[in-house]
Amino acid sequence: MLVTGGVLLGATGTASAEPIPGCTAGDVTAVATGVSAGMTTYLFTHPDVNDFLTSLQGLSKSDAKQKTKDYLAANPQVRDELNAIRQPGVDLRNRCNIPLKAEIASVI
């Protein structure tokens, strides 16, 4: 009986915990929407980058990762511009302790 009470008490405490300010599901969605809109605008106004990223479709993850690393190394301005677009998402993940898949983090 005590074990059950402890489990219930622990679950209640976790459920009522306040989220970190600016880290609600709505905040995450708003930032993701902004980053997505920024990336869309960038790709449509930079057809060479759009074409390159489109050319990765159908490649294995490892091939796409290597080609992307090579492309960004050869095009540091593109890398910096894409990083600037992504920065609000990076800041949110860091502030709110949201994990990022390793494959994505290691490419861009």
Protein backbone atom coordinates (compact mmCIF):
# COMPACT_ATOMS: atom_id res chain seq x y z
CA MET A 1 0.00 0.00 0.00
CA LEU A 2 2.82 2.39 0.80
CA VAL A 3 4.51 1.63 -2.49
CA THR A 4 1.33 2.46 -4.38
CA GLY A 5 0.90 5.71 -2.44
CA GLY A 6 4.50 6.64 -3.19
CA VAL A 7 4.04 5.99 -6.87
CA LEU A 8 0.87 8.04 -7.00
CA LEU A 9 2.44 10.88 -5.06
CA GLY A 10 5.46 10.86 -7.35
CA ALA A 11 3.28 10.88 -10.46
CA THR A 12 1.19 13.74 -9.11
CA GLY A 13 4.29 15.81 -8.38
CA THR A 14 5.63 15.28 -11.88
CA ALA A 15 2.34 16.05 -13.60
CA SER A 16 1.94 19.38 -11.79
CA ALA A 17 5.49 20.60 -12.47
CA GLU A 18 5.59 23.94 -14.25
CA PRO A 19 7.25 23.94 -17.68
CA ILE A 20 10.32 26.06 -18.23
CA PRO A 21 9.12 29.51 -19.40
CA GLY A 22 9.09 29.65 -23.19
CA CYS A 23 9.21 25.86 -23.49
CA THR A 24 5.56 24.93 -23.88
CA ALA A 25 4.33 22.88 -26.81
CA GLY A 26 2.99 26.13 -28.27
CA ASP A 27 6.41 27.79 -27.97
CA VAL A 28 8.10 24.84 -29.63
CA THR A 29 5.56 24.88 -32.46
CA ALA A 30 5.94 28.64 -32.95
CA VAL A 31 9.73 28.41 -33.20
CA ALA A 32 9.55 25.40 -35.52
CA THR A 33 7.10 27.27 -37.75
CA GLY A 34 9.40 30.29 -37.92
CA VAL A 35 12.44 28.17 -38.75
CA SER A 36 10.48 26.26 -41.37
CA ALA A 37 9.22 29.48 -42.98
CA GLY A 38 12.74 30.91 -42.99
CA MET A 39 14.15 27.77 -44.59
CA THR A 40 11.39 27.72 -47.21
CA THR A 41 12.07 31.33 -48.17
CA TYR A 42 15.81 30.71 -48.28
CA LEU A 43 15.52 27.64 -50.50
CA PHE A 44 13.16 29.28 -52.97
CA THR A 45 15.42 32.34 -53.20
CA HIS A 46 18.59 30.21 -53.50
CA PRO A 47 17.77 27.69 -56.23
CA ASP A 48 21.31 26.30 -56.26
CA VAL A 49 21.01 25.28 -52.59
CA ASN A 50 17.47 24.01 -53.17
CA ASP A 51 18.72 21.91 -56.11
CA PHE A 52 21.61 20.51 -54.09
CA LEU A 53 19.42 19.50 -51.14
CA THR A 54 16.82 18.04 -53.52
CA SER A 55 19.56 15.95 -55.16
CA LEU A 56 20.09 14.15 -51.83
CA GLN A 57 16.69 12.48 -52.05
CA GLY A 58 17.03 8.74 -52.47
CA LEU A 59 20.62 8.56 -51.20
CA SER A 60 21.56 6.52 -48.17
CA LYS A 61 21.81 8.48 -44.93
CA SER A 62 25.58 8.11 -44.89
CA ASP A 63 25.96 9.30 -48.50
CA ALA A 64 23.61 12.25 -47.94
CA LYS A 65 25.46 13.17 -44.75
CA GLN A 66 28.86 13.10 -46.45
CA LYS A 67 27.68 15.05 -49.50
CA THR A 68 26.09 17.66 -47.23
CA LYS A 69 29.26 18.01 -45.14
CA ASP A 70 31.33 18.42 -48.31
CA TYR A 71 28.88 20.95 -49.79
CA LEU A 72 28.76 23.06 -46.63
CA ALA A 73 32.55 22.96 -46.29
CA ALA A 74 32.89 24.20 -49.87
CA ASN A 75 30.15 26.82 -49.35
CA PRO A 76 30.76 28.45 -45.95
CA GLN A 77 28.40 31.35 -46.66
CA VAL A 78 25.55 28.90 -47.28
CA ARG A 79 26.50 27.02 -44.10
CA ASP A 80 26.45 30.25 -42.08
CA GLU A 81 23.14 31.38 -43.58
CA LEU A 82 21.49 28.01 -42.87
CA ASN A 83 22.89 28.04 -39.34
CA ALA A 84 21.44 31.53 -38.79
CA ILE A 85 18.01 30.34 -39.95
CA ARG A 86 18.22 27.32 -37.63
CA GLN A 87 19.56 29.26 -34.62
CA PRO A 88 16.19 29.96 -32.95
CA GLY A 89 15.52 26.21 -32.94
CA VAL A 90 18.99 25.48 -31.54
CA ASP A 91 18.48 28.11 -28.83
CA LEU A 92 15.08 26.65 -27.93
CA ARG A 93 16.46 23.09 -27.74
CA ASN A 94 19.31 24.24 -25.50
CA ARG A 95 17.08 26.36 -23.24
CA CYS A 96 14.36 23.72 -22.95
CA ASN A 97 16.60 20.61 -22.89
CA ILE A 98 15.02 19.16 -26.03
CA PRO A 99 17.21 16.41 -27.53
CA LEU A 100 18.25 16.51 -31.17
CA LYS A 101 18.79 13.40 -33.26
CA ALA A 102 22.51 12.82 -33.72
CA GLU A 103 22.28 12.39 -37.51
CA ILE A 104 20.85 15.88 -37.94
CA ALA A 105 23.15 17.55 -35.43
CA SER A 106 26.26 16.19 -37.09
CA VAL A 107 25.31 17.35 -40.59
CA ILE A 108 24.27 20.97 -40.09
